[in-house]
Amino acid sequence: MPRARPAGGSRSSRMAARVAAPVVFLVAVIALIGIVVNSGVLGGGGDATPGSAATATQSGGGAQTKTKKYVVHEGDSLSSIADRFGTTTTRLMELNPDLNGTTVVVGQRIVVPAKQ
């Protein structure tokens, strides 16, 4: 008596499904890693963004201030960052008009005065 084939499609379609699932998963993981790295969540542990150079920024009074990018770390607050760079939270908010109040998020990149 011939053996009955299990329901669920041909052997080739089952093989394709077995190969496709890990490939799709791998592509998703690679995309997620790219997003996380580009967002700055994973990066250097230093104060400034790696490779960032100090730039001159014009303040409201006409004087120029050298600035650099800073990546917010766990435990940072706007006031602790201001203390670290010898400035005020008001000045940091002027340098970063896109800040939402005084809230900063881990991995966020903000402009700070360069230490002189």
N, C-alpha and C. Protein backbone atom coordinates (compact mmCIF):
# COMPACT_ATOMS: atom_id res chain seq x y z
N MET A 1 0.85 -1.17 0.00
CA MET A 1 0.00 0.00 0.00
C MET A 1 0.90 1.24 0.00
N PRO A 2 0.65 2.20 -0.91
CA PRO A 2 1.50 3.39 -0.97
C PRO A 2 1.30 4.29 0.25
N ARG A 3 2.40 4.92 0.62
CA ARG A 3 2.36 5.83 1.78
C ARG A 3 1.70 7.14 1.38
N ALA A 4 0.90 7.66 2.27
CA ALA A 4 0.21 8.93 2.00
C ALA A 4 1.18 10.08 2.30
N ARG A 5 1.13 11.10 1.46
CA ARG A 5 1.95 12.29 1.69
C ARG A 5 1.28 13.19 2.72
N PRO A 6 2.06 13.76 3.60
CA PRO A 6 1.46 14.67 4.57
C PRO A 6 0.97 15.93 3.86
N ALA A 7 -0.10 16.48 4.36
CA ALA A 7 -0.65 17.72 3.79
C ALA A 7 0.31 18.86 4.08
N GLY A 8 0.24 19.92 3.28
CA GLY A 8 1.07 21.08 3.55
C GLY A 8 1.97 21.46 2.41
N GLY A 9 1.77 20.94 1.23
CA GLY A 9 2.54 21.37 0.09
C GLY A 9 3.61 20.38 -0.30
N SER A 10 4.31 20.73 -1.36
CA SER A 10 5.35 19.86 -1.88
C SER A 10 6.62 19.95 -1.05
N ARG A 11 7.51 19.05 -1.31
CA ARG A 11 8.78 19.01 -0.59
C ARG A 11 9.58 20.28 -0.87
N SER A 12 9.56 20.78 -2.09
CA SER A 12 10.34 21.97 -2.44
C SER A 12 9.80 23.22 -1.74
N SER A 13 8.49 23.34 -1.58
CA SER A 13 7.94 24.51 -0.90
C SER A 13 8.27 24.48 0.60
N ARG A 14 8.28 23.27 1.17
CA ARG A 14 8.67 23.16 2.58
C ARG A 14 10.13 23.50 2.75
N MET A 15 10.99 23.09 1.82
CA MET A 15 12.42 23.39 1.87
C MET A 15 12.64 24.90 1.74
N ALA A 16 11.91 25.53 0.85
CA ALA A 16 12.03 26.98 0.68
C ALA A 16 11.64 27.72 1.95
N ALA A 17 10.60 27.26 2.61
CA ALA A 17 10.17 27.88 3.86
C ALA A 17 11.23 27.71 4.95
N ARG A 18 11.87 26.55 4.98
CA ARG A 18 12.92 26.30 5.98
C ARG A 18 14.12 27.21 5.78
N VAL A 19 14.43 27.55 4.54
CA VAL A 19 15.57 28.41 4.24
C VAL A 19 15.19 29.88 4.40
N ALA A 20 13.99 30.24 3.99
CA ALA A 20 13.57 31.64 4.00
C ALA A 20 13.47 32.21 5.40
N ALA A 21 12.96 31.45 6.34
CA ALA A 21 12.75 31.97 7.69
C ALA A 21 14.07 32.45 8.33
N PRO A 22 15.15 31.67 8.33
CA PRO A 22 16.40 32.17 8.91
C PRO A 22 16.99 33.35 8.14
N VAL A 23 16.81 33.37 6.83
CA VAL A 23 17.33 34.47 6.02
C VAL A 23 16.61 35.77 6.38
N VAL A 24 15.30 35.72 6.50
CA VAL A 24 14.53 36.90 6.88
C VAL A 24 14.93 37.37 8.27
N PHE A 25 15.11 36.44 9.19
CA PHE A 25 15.52 36.79 10.55
C PHE A 25 16.89 37.47 10.53
N LEU A 26 17.83 36.94 9.77
CA LEU A 26 19.17 37.51 9.69
C LEU A 26 19.14 38.93 9.12
N VAL A 27 18.35 39.14 8.09
CA VAL A 27 18.22 40.48 7.50
C VAL A 27 17.64 41.44 8.52
N ALA A 28 16.65 41.02 9.29
CA ALA A 28 16.04 41.88 10.31
C ALA A 28 17.05 42.24 11.39
N VAL A 29 17.85 41.29 11.83
CA VAL A 29 18.86 41.55 12.86
C VAL A 29 19.91 42.53 12.34
N ILE A 30 20.36 42.35 11.12
CA ILE A 30 21.36 43.26 10.54
C ILE A 30 20.78 44.67 10.44
N ALA A 31 19.53 44.80 10.03
CA ALA A 31 18.89 46.12 9.94
C ALA A 31 18.78 46.76 11.32
N LEU A 32 18.42 45.98 12.32
CA LEU A 32 18.30 46.51 13.68
C LEU A 32 19.65 46.98 14.21
N ILE A 33 20.69 46.22 13.97
CA ILE A 33 22.03 46.62 14.40
C ILE A 33 22.43 47.93 13.73
N GLY A 34 22.14 48.06 12.45
CA GLY A 34 22.45 49.30 11.74
C GLY A 34 21.73 50.49 12.33
N ILE A 35 20.46 50.32 12.68
CA ILE A 35 19.68 51.40 13.27
C ILE A 35 20.25 51.79 14.63
N VAL A 36 20.57 50.81 15.46
CA VAL A 36 21.09 51.09 16.80
C VAL A 36 22.44 51.80 16.72
N VAL A 37 23.32 51.35 15.86
CA VAL A 37 24.64 51.98 15.73
C VAL A 37 24.51 53.40 15.22
N ASN A 38 23.68 53.62 14.21
CA ASN A 38 23.50 54.96 13.66
C ASN A 38 22.82 55.91 14.63
N SER A 39 22.02 55.40 15.55
CA SER A 39 21.35 56.26 16.50
C SER A 39 22.29 56.77 17.59
N GLY A 40 23.45 56.14 17.72
CA GLY A 40 24.41 56.57 18.73
C GLY A 40 24.28 55.84 20.05
N VAL A 41 23.33 54.91 20.15
CA VAL A 41 23.17 54.17 21.39
C VAL A 41 24.42 53.34 21.66
N LEU A 42 24.95 52.71 20.63
CA LEU A 42 26.21 52.00 20.76
C LEU A 42 27.28 52.85 20.11
N GLY A 43 28.28 53.22 20.84
CA GLY A 43 29.33 54.05 20.28
C GLY A 43 30.43 54.19 21.29
N GLY A 44 31.28 55.16 21.08
CA GLY A 44 32.39 55.41 21.99
C GLY A 44 31.91 55.82 23.35
N GLY A 45 32.74 55.61 24.35
CA GLY A 45 32.38 55.96 25.71
C GLY A 45 32.88 57.31 26.14
N GLY A 46 33.49 58.06 25.24
CA GLY A 46 34.05 59.35 25.60
C GLY A 46 33.00 60.44 25.71
N ASP A 47 33.45 61.64 26.09
CA ASP A 47 32.54 62.76 26.23
C ASP A 47 32.02 63.24 24.90
N ALA A 48 32.87 63.29 23.91
CA ALA A 48 32.46 63.82 22.62
C ALA A 48 32.19 62.67 21.66
N THR A 49 31.41 62.96 20.65
CA THR A 49 31.17 61.98 19.61
C THR A 49 32.48 61.71 18.91
N PRO A 50 32.86 60.45 18.71
CA PRO A 50 34.14 60.16 18.07
C PRO A 50 34.25 60.84 16.72
N GLY A 51 35.39 61.45 16.48
CA GLY A 51 35.63 62.09 15.20
C GLY A 51 35.02 63.46 15.06
N SER A 52 34.36 63.95 16.10
CA SER A 52 33.75 65.27 15.97
C SER A 52 34.78 66.34 16.33
N ALA A 53 34.82 67.35 15.53
CA ALA A 53 35.75 68.44 15.77
C ALA A 53 34.99 69.59 16.40
N ALA A 54 35.72 70.41 17.14
CA ALA A 54 35.11 71.59 17.74
C ALA A 54 34.76 72.56 16.62
N THR A 55 33.59 73.18 16.74
CA THR A 55 33.16 74.16 15.76
C THR A 55 32.82 75.45 16.47
N ALA A 56 32.82 76.53 15.74
CA ALA A 56 32.47 77.82 16.32
C ALA A 56 31.00 78.08 16.09
N THR A 57 30.31 78.49 17.16
CA THR A 57 28.89 78.80 17.09
C THR A 57 28.68 80.23 17.54
N GLN A 58 27.86 80.96 16.81
CA GLN A 58 27.61 82.35 17.17
C GLN A 58 26.48 82.38 18.18
N SER A 59 26.71 83.06 19.30
CA SER A 59 25.68 83.18 20.31
C SER A 59 24.84 84.42 20.03
N GLY A 60 23.77 84.60 20.79
CA GLY A 60 22.87 85.72 20.58
C GLY A 60 23.56 87.07 20.73
N GLY A 61 24.61 87.17 21.55
CA GLY A 61 25.30 88.44 21.77
C GLY A 61 26.34 88.74 20.72
N GLY A 62 26.55 87.85 19.74
CA GLY A 62 27.50 88.10 18.67
C GLY A 62 28.85 87.44 18.90
N ALA A 63 29.13 86.95 20.12
CA ALA A 63 30.41 86.30 20.39
C ALA A 63 30.36 84.87 19.88
N GLN A 64 31.51 84.35 19.47
CA GLN A 64 31.57 82.98 19.00
C GLN A 64 32.04 82.07 20.12
N THR A 65 31.44 80.89 20.20
CA THR A 65 31.79 79.88 21.19
C THR A 65 32.18 78.62 20.45
N LYS A 66 33.29 78.00 20.85
CA LYS A 66 33.66 76.72 20.25
C LYS A 66 32.78 75.65 20.89
N THR A 67 32.24 74.79 20.03
CA THR A 67 31.34 73.75 20.51
C THR A 67 31.76 72.39 19.96
N LYS A 68 31.17 71.35 20.55
CA LYS A 68 31.36 69.99 20.06
C LYS A 68 30.11 69.21 20.39
N LYS A 69 30.01 68.02 19.82
CA LYS A 69 28.87 67.14 20.09
C LYS A 69 29.17 66.29 21.32
N TYR A 70 28.13 66.04 22.11
CA TYR A 70 28.24 65.18 23.29
C TYR A 70 27.12 64.15 23.22
N VAL A 71 27.45 62.89 23.52
CA VAL A 71 26.45 61.83 23.54
C VAL A 71 26.02 61.63 24.99
N VAL A 72 24.73 61.75 25.25
CA VAL A 72 24.18 61.64 26.60
C VAL A 72 24.34 60.20 27.10
N HIS A 73 24.86 60.07 28.32
CA HIS A 73 25.07 58.76 28.95
C HIS A 73 24.02 58.52 30.04
N GLU A 74 23.92 57.28 30.48
CA GLU A 74 23.00 56.94 31.56
C GLU A 74 23.37 57.74 32.80
N GLY A 75 22.39 58.33 33.45
CA GLY A 75 22.60 59.12 34.66
C GLY A 75 22.83 60.60 34.38
N ASP A 76 23.00 60.97 33.11
CA ASP A 76 23.19 62.38 32.77
C ASP A 76 21.86 63.14 32.87
N SER A 77 21.97 64.39 33.27
CA SER A 77 20.85 65.31 33.19
C SER A 77 21.40 66.57 32.55
N LEU A 78 20.52 67.45 32.13
CA LEU A 78 20.99 68.67 31.49
C LEU A 78 21.86 69.48 32.45
N SER A 79 21.49 69.50 33.73
CA SER A 79 22.29 70.26 34.70
C SER A 79 23.64 69.61 34.96
N SER A 80 23.71 68.28 34.97
CA SER A 80 25.01 67.63 35.19
C SER A 80 25.92 67.83 33.99
N ILE A 81 25.34 67.83 32.79
CA ILE A 81 26.14 68.09 31.58
C ILE A 81 26.63 69.53 31.60
N ALA A 82 25.76 70.46 32.01
CA ALA A 82 26.15 71.87 32.09
C ALA A 82 27.30 72.03 33.08
N ASP A 83 27.22 71.38 34.22
CA ASP A 83 28.31 71.44 35.22
C ASP A 83 29.60 70.88 34.64
N ARG A 84 29.52 69.76 33.94
CA ARG A 84 30.70 69.11 33.38
C ARG A 84 31.42 70.02 32.39
N PHE A 85 30.66 70.82 31.64
CA PHE A 85 31.27 71.67 30.62
C PHE A 85 31.35 73.14 31.04
N GLY A 86 31.11 73.41 32.32
CA GLY A 86 31.27 74.76 32.84
C GLY A 86 30.33 75.78 32.22
N THR A 87 29.08 75.39 32.05
CA THR A 87 28.10 76.29 31.45
C THR A 87 26.80 76.18 32.21
N THR A 88 25.74 76.76 31.67
CA THR A 88 24.43 76.71 32.32
C THR A 88 23.46 75.92 31.46
N THR A 89 22.37 75.49 32.09
CA THR A 89 21.35 74.77 31.33
C THR A 89 20.71 75.71 30.30
N THR A 90 20.61 76.98 30.62
CA THR A 90 20.05 77.95 29.67
C THR A 90 20.91 78.00 28.42
N ARG A 91 22.24 78.03 28.59
CA ARG A 91 23.14 78.08 27.44
C ARG A 91 23.03 76.80 26.61
N LEU A 92 22.93 75.64 27.27
CA LEU A 92 22.77 74.38 26.54
C LEU A 92 21.47 74.38 25.74
N MET A 93 20.41 74.95 26.31
CA MET A 93 19.14 75.01 25.61
C MET A 93 19.23 75.97 24.41
N GLU A 94 20.04 77.03 24.53
CA GLU A 94 20.26 77.93 23.40
C GLU A 94 21.02 77.23 22.28
N LEU A 95 22.02 76.42 22.65
CA LEU A 95 22.80 75.69 21.66
C LEU A 95 22.02 74.55 21.02
N ASN A 96 20.97 74.08 21.70
CA ASN A 96 20.18 72.94 21.24
C ASN A 96 18.70 73.31 21.22
N PRO A 97 18.28 74.12 20.26
CA PRO A 97 16.88 74.56 20.24
C PRO A 97 15.88 73.43 20.06
N ASP A 98 16.34 72.26 19.61
CA ASP A 98 15.43 71.13 19.41
C ASP A 98 15.18 70.32 20.68
N LEU A 99 15.81 70.71 21.81
CA LEU A 99 15.58 70.00 23.07
C LEU A 99 14.14 70.21 23.52
N ASN A 100 13.58 69.17 24.10
CA ASN A 100 12.22 69.24 24.62
C ASN A 100 12.31 69.56 26.12
N GLY A 101 12.30 70.83 26.47
CA GLY A 101 12.47 71.23 27.87
C GLY A 101 13.88 70.91 28.32
N THR A 102 14.01 70.39 29.52
CA THR A 102 15.34 70.05 30.04
C THR A 102 15.57 68.53 30.03
N THR A 103 14.75 67.81 29.31
CA THR A 103 14.86 66.35 29.27
C THR A 103 15.85 65.91 28.21
N VAL A 104 16.79 65.05 28.60
CA VAL A 104 17.72 64.45 27.65
C VAL A 104 17.57 62.93 27.74
N VAL A 105 17.87 62.26 26.64
CA VAL A 105 17.69 60.81 26.54
C VAL A 105 19.03 60.16 26.28
N VAL A 106 19.28 59.01 26.90
CA VAL A 106 20.52 58.27 26.69
C VAL A 106 20.71 58.03 25.19
N GLY A 107 21.91 58.36 24.69
CA GLY A 107 22.22 58.20 23.28
C GLY A 107 21.97 59.44 22.46
N GLN A 108 21.26 60.41 23.03
CA GLN A 108 20.96 61.65 22.31
C GLN A 108 22.26 62.44 22.13
N ARG A 109 22.42 63.08 20.98
CA ARG A 109 23.59 63.91 20.71
C ARG A 109 23.20 65.36 20.86
N ILE A 110 23.94 66.08 21.71
CA ILE A 110 23.66 67.49 21.91
C ILE A 110 24.93 68.29 21.70
N VAL A 111 24.77 69.59 21.44
CA VAL A 111 25.90 70.48 21.26
C VAL A 111 26.26 71.05 22.63
N VAL A 112 27.54 71.01 22.97
CA VAL A 112 28.05 71.56 24.24
C VAL A 112 29.24 72.47 23.94
N PRO A 113 29.54 73.40 24.85
CA PRO A 113 30.74 74.22 24.65
C PRO A 113 31.97 73.33 24.78
N ALA A 114 32.96 73.56 23.92
CA ALA A 114 34.22 72.82 23.99
C ALA A 114 35.00 73.33 25.20
N LYS A 115 35.59 72.42 25.96
CA LYS A 115 36.42 72.83 27.10
C LYS A 115 37.62 73.59 26.56
N GLN A 116 37.95 74.69 27.22
CA GLN A 116 39.06 75.51 26.72
C GLN A 116 40.27 75.41 27.61
